[in-house]
Amino acid sequence: MEALAVQLSHLDSEAEGAIRVVMFYDTLMRRRVDLPALARASAGLAECVTGIRLHGTGRAIRVALDGTLLRKVRLSGRG
C-alpha cells in the first residue's frame, strides 16, 4: 500500500492523500483499537473535534483535538 501511495504521489496528490487516510484507518483496525482510541486518532487526523456514534448500540463519544473526552454528547437526527 505504501508503494502505491508513493506512485500515486507522482500522478495525483489527492489520490495519494486518500490512500494515506485508508492506510491510517486500516492500521487502526488491524490493531483492534477501542472506540475512544479511534475517536482520538480521528480527531488528531482531522485536526478538529470528532464524534462517533454506533447506531446499533446508541453508544456515542466525542473527543477534542487534544484527545480529551468530551462528556456532553448531543445526538441529532435519527439516521
N, C-alpha and C. Protein backbone atom coordinates (compact mmCIF):
# COMPACT_ATOMS: atom_id res chain seq x y z
N MET A 1 0.83 -1.18 0.00
CA MET A 1 0.00 0.00 0.00
C MET A 1 0.88 1.25 0.00
N GLU A 2 1.98 1.20 0.74
CA GLU A 2 2.89 2.35 0.80
C GLU A 2 3.47 2.63 -0.59
N ALA A 3 3.83 1.58 -1.31
CA ALA A 3 4.39 1.76 -2.66
C ALA A 3 3.35 2.40 -3.58
N LEU A 4 2.10 2.00 -3.43
CA LEU A 4 1.02 2.58 -4.23
C LEU A 4 0.88 4.07 -3.93
N ALA A 5 0.96 4.43 -2.65
CA ALA A 5 0.85 5.84 -2.27
C ALA A 5 1.99 6.65 -2.88
N VAL A 6 3.19 6.11 -2.89
CA VAL A 6 4.34 6.81 -3.47
C VAL A 6 4.14 6.99 -4.97
N GLN A 7 3.69 5.94 -5.65
CA GLN A 7 3.45 6.03 -7.09
C GLN A 7 2.37 7.06 -7.40
N LEU A 8 1.31 7.06 -6.61
CA LEU A 8 0.21 8.00 -6.85
C LEU A 8 0.63 9.45 -6.58
N SER A 9 1.59 9.64 -5.69
CA SER A 9 2.03 11.00 -5.38
C SER A 9 2.60 11.69 -6.62
N HIS A 10 3.15 10.89 -7.53
CA HIS A 10 3.69 11.46 -8.77
C HIS A 10 2.58 11.78 -9.77
N LEU A 11 1.45 11.11 -9.64
CA LEU A 11 0.35 11.28 -10.59
C LEU A 11 -0.74 12.22 -10.08
N ASP A 12 -1.12 12.03 -8.82
CA ASP A 12 -2.27 12.75 -8.29
C ASP A 12 -2.13 12.88 -6.77
N SER A 13 -1.86 14.08 -6.30
CA SER A 13 -1.62 14.29 -4.87
C SER A 13 -2.89 14.02 -4.05
N GLU A 14 -4.06 14.27 -4.61
CA GLU A 14 -5.30 14.00 -3.88
C GLU A 14 -5.51 12.50 -3.70
N ALA A 15 -5.21 11.72 -4.71
CA ALA A 15 -5.34 10.26 -4.61
C ALA A 15 -4.35 9.73 -3.57
N GLU A 16 -3.16 10.28 -3.56
CA GLU A 16 -2.17 9.86 -2.56
C GLU A 16 -2.70 10.13 -1.16
N GLY A 17 -3.28 11.29 -0.94
CA GLY A 17 -3.83 11.63 0.37
C GLY A 17 -4.93 10.68 0.78
N ALA A 18 -5.79 10.33 -0.16
CA ALA A 18 -6.88 9.40 0.14
C ALA A 18 -6.34 8.03 0.52
N ILE A 19 -5.34 7.57 -0.19
CA ILE A 19 -4.72 6.26 0.12
C ILE A 19 -4.10 6.30 1.51
N ARG A 20 -3.47 7.40 1.86
CA ARG A 20 -2.85 7.51 3.19
C ARG A 20 -3.90 7.49 4.30
N VAL A 21 -5.05 8.09 4.06
CA VAL A 21 -6.14 8.04 5.05
C VAL A 21 -6.63 6.60 5.21
N VAL A 22 -6.79 5.90 4.09
CA VAL A 22 -7.21 4.49 4.14
C VAL A 22 -6.18 3.67 4.91
N MET A 23 -4.90 3.92 4.66
CA MET A 23 -3.84 3.20 5.38
C MET A 23 -3.90 3.49 6.87
N PHE A 24 -4.17 4.74 7.22
CA PHE A 24 -4.26 5.16 8.63
C PHE A 24 -5.34 4.35 9.35
N TYR A 25 -6.54 4.30 8.76
CA TYR A 25 -7.64 3.58 9.40
C TYR A 25 -7.46 2.07 9.32
N ASP A 26 -6.83 1.58 8.26
CA ASP A 26 -6.54 0.16 8.16
C ASP A 26 -5.62 -0.28 9.30
N THR A 27 -4.63 0.54 9.59
CA THR A 27 -3.71 0.24 10.71
C THR A 27 -4.46 0.21 12.04
N LEU A 28 -5.34 1.17 12.25
CA LEU A 28 -6.12 1.20 13.49
C LEU A 28 -6.99 -0.05 13.62
N MET A 29 -7.62 -0.46 12.54
CA MET A 29 -8.49 -1.64 12.59
C MET A 29 -7.68 -2.91 12.82
N ARG A 30 -6.51 -3.01 12.20
CA ARG A 30 -5.66 -4.19 12.43
C ARG A 30 -5.21 -4.26 13.88
N ARG A 31 -5.02 -3.12 14.50
CA ARG A 31 -4.61 -3.08 15.92
C ARG A 31 -5.80 -3.26 16.86
N ARG A 32 -6.99 -3.30 16.30
CA ARG A 32 -8.23 -3.52 17.06
C ARG A 32 -8.39 -2.50 18.18
N VAL A 33 -8.22 -1.23 17.82
CA VAL A 33 -8.33 -0.17 18.82
C VAL A 33 -9.77 -0.05 19.30
N ASP A 34 -9.95 0.43 20.52
CA ASP A 34 -11.28 0.62 21.06
C ASP A 34 -11.87 1.94 20.54
N LEU A 35 -13.14 2.17 20.85
CA LEU A 35 -13.83 3.35 20.34
C LEU A 35 -13.17 4.66 20.76
N PRO A 36 -12.78 4.84 22.03
CA PRO A 36 -12.10 6.09 22.40
C PRO A 36 -10.79 6.31 21.64
N ALA A 37 -10.02 5.25 21.43
CA ALA A 37 -8.76 5.39 20.68
C ALA A 37 -9.03 5.76 19.23
N LEU A 38 -10.08 5.18 18.64
CA LEU A 38 -10.45 5.52 17.27
C LEU A 38 -10.87 6.98 17.16
N ALA A 39 -11.64 7.45 18.13
CA ALA A 39 -12.07 8.85 18.13
C ALA A 39 -10.89 9.80 18.32
N ARG A 40 -9.96 9.45 19.24
CA ARG A 40 -8.78 10.30 19.46
C ARG A 40 -7.92 10.38 18.20
N ALA A 41 -7.69 9.23 17.56
CA ALA A 41 -6.88 9.20 16.34
C ALA A 41 -7.55 10.01 15.23
N SER A 42 -8.87 9.90 15.13
CA SER A 42 -9.60 10.66 14.11
C SER A 42 -9.53 12.15 14.36
N ALA A 43 -9.64 12.55 15.63
CA ALA A 43 -9.54 13.97 15.98
C ALA A 43 -8.16 14.51 15.61
N GLY A 44 -7.14 13.73 15.87
CA GLY A 44 -5.78 14.16 15.51
C GLY A 44 -5.59 14.27 14.01
N LEU A 45 -6.12 13.30 13.27
CA LEU A 45 -6.00 13.32 11.82
C LEU A 45 -6.77 14.50 11.22
N ALA A 46 -8.00 14.72 11.70
CA ALA A 46 -8.85 15.77 11.14
C ALA A 46 -8.54 17.15 11.72
N GLU A 47 -7.78 17.18 12.80
CA GLU A 47 -7.45 18.43 13.49
C GLU A 47 -8.70 19.20 13.92
N CYS A 48 -9.67 18.44 14.48
CA CYS A 48 -10.90 19.05 14.98
C CYS A 48 -11.59 18.07 15.93
N VAL A 49 -12.64 18.53 16.58
CA VAL A 49 -13.44 17.65 17.43
C VAL A 49 -14.03 16.55 16.56
N THR A 50 -14.02 15.33 17.09
CA THR A 50 -14.53 14.19 16.34
C THR A 50 -15.57 13.46 17.17
N GLY A 51 -16.62 13.04 16.53
CA GLY A 51 -17.65 12.27 17.20
C GLY A 51 -17.92 10.98 16.45
N ILE A 52 -18.20 9.93 17.21
CA ILE A 52 -18.52 8.63 16.63
C ILE A 52 -19.76 8.11 17.34
N ARG A 53 -20.72 7.63 16.56
CA ARG A 53 -21.92 7.04 17.14
C ARG A 53 -22.13 5.67 16.53
N LEU A 54 -22.33 4.68 17.40
CA LEU A 54 -22.64 3.33 16.95
C LEU A 54 -24.15 3.18 16.94
N HIS A 55 -24.73 3.13 15.77
CA HIS A 55 -26.19 3.14 15.63
C HIS A 55 -26.86 1.97 16.33
N GLY A 56 -26.29 0.80 16.25
CA GLY A 56 -26.92 -0.39 16.84
C GLY A 56 -26.98 -0.37 18.35
N THR A 57 -26.04 0.30 18.97
CA THR A 57 -25.97 0.31 20.44
C THR A 57 -26.39 1.63 21.05
N GLY A 58 -26.40 2.68 20.25
CA GLY A 58 -26.69 4.00 20.77
C GLY A 58 -25.50 4.63 21.47
N ARG A 59 -24.39 3.94 21.51
CA ARG A 59 -23.18 4.46 22.15
C ARG A 59 -22.59 5.58 21.30
N ALA A 60 -22.22 6.67 21.96
CA ALA A 60 -21.63 7.81 21.25
C ALA A 60 -20.49 8.37 22.07
N ILE A 61 -19.52 8.95 21.35
CA ILE A 61 -18.36 9.53 22.01
C ILE A 61 -17.90 10.73 21.20
N ARG A 62 -17.44 11.76 21.89
CA ARG A 62 -16.84 12.93 21.24
C ARG A 62 -15.50 13.20 21.89
N VAL A 63 -14.54 13.57 21.07
CA VAL A 63 -13.18 13.81 21.55
C VAL A 63 -12.67 15.12 20.97
N ALA A 64 -12.03 15.93 21.83
CA ALA A 64 -11.43 17.19 21.40
C ALA A 64 -10.12 16.91 20.66
N LEU A 65 -9.64 17.91 19.98
CA LEU A 65 -8.41 17.78 19.21
C LEU A 65 -7.24 17.30 20.07
N ASP A 66 -7.21 17.73 21.33
CA ASP A 66 -6.11 17.32 22.22
C ASP A 66 -6.30 15.92 22.81
N GLY A 67 -7.37 15.21 22.40
CA GLY A 67 -7.60 13.86 22.88
C GLY A 67 -8.48 13.77 24.11
N THR A 68 -8.93 14.92 24.62
CA THR A 68 -9.78 14.95 25.80
C THR A 68 -11.18 14.47 25.46
N LEU A 69 -11.69 13.54 26.26
CA LEU A 69 -13.05 13.06 26.09
C LEU A 69 -14.02 14.16 26.48
N LEU A 70 -14.95 14.48 25.59
CA LEU A 70 -15.96 15.49 25.85
C LEU A 70 -17.19 14.79 26.41
N ARG A 71 -17.59 15.16 27.58
CA ARG A 71 -18.67 14.46 28.29
C ARG A 71 -20.05 14.66 27.69
N LYS A 72 -20.35 15.86 27.25
CA LYS A 72 -21.68 16.13 26.73
C LYS A 72 -21.75 15.72 25.26
N VAL A 73 -22.58 14.75 24.99
CA VAL A 73 -22.76 14.29 23.63
C VAL A 73 -24.19 14.58 23.22
N ARG A 74 -24.35 15.43 22.22
CA ARG A 74 -25.66 15.76 21.69
C ARG A 74 -25.86 14.97 20.41
N LEU A 75 -26.86 14.14 20.39
CA LEU A 75 -27.16 13.37 19.21
C LEU A 75 -28.28 14.05 18.46
N SER A 76 -28.06 14.34 17.19
CA SER A 76 -29.09 14.99 16.41
C SER A 76 -29.50 14.05 15.27
N GLY A 77 -30.72 14.13 14.90
CA GLY A 77 -31.21 13.31 13.82
C GLY A 77 -31.45 11.89 14.25
N ARG A 78 -31.98 11.12 13.36
CA ARG A 78 -32.28 9.73 13.67
C ARG A 78 -31.55 8.77 12.76
N GLY A 79 -30.82 9.32 11.77
CA GLY A 79 -30.32 8.45 10.73
C GLY A 79 -28.95 8.08 10.77
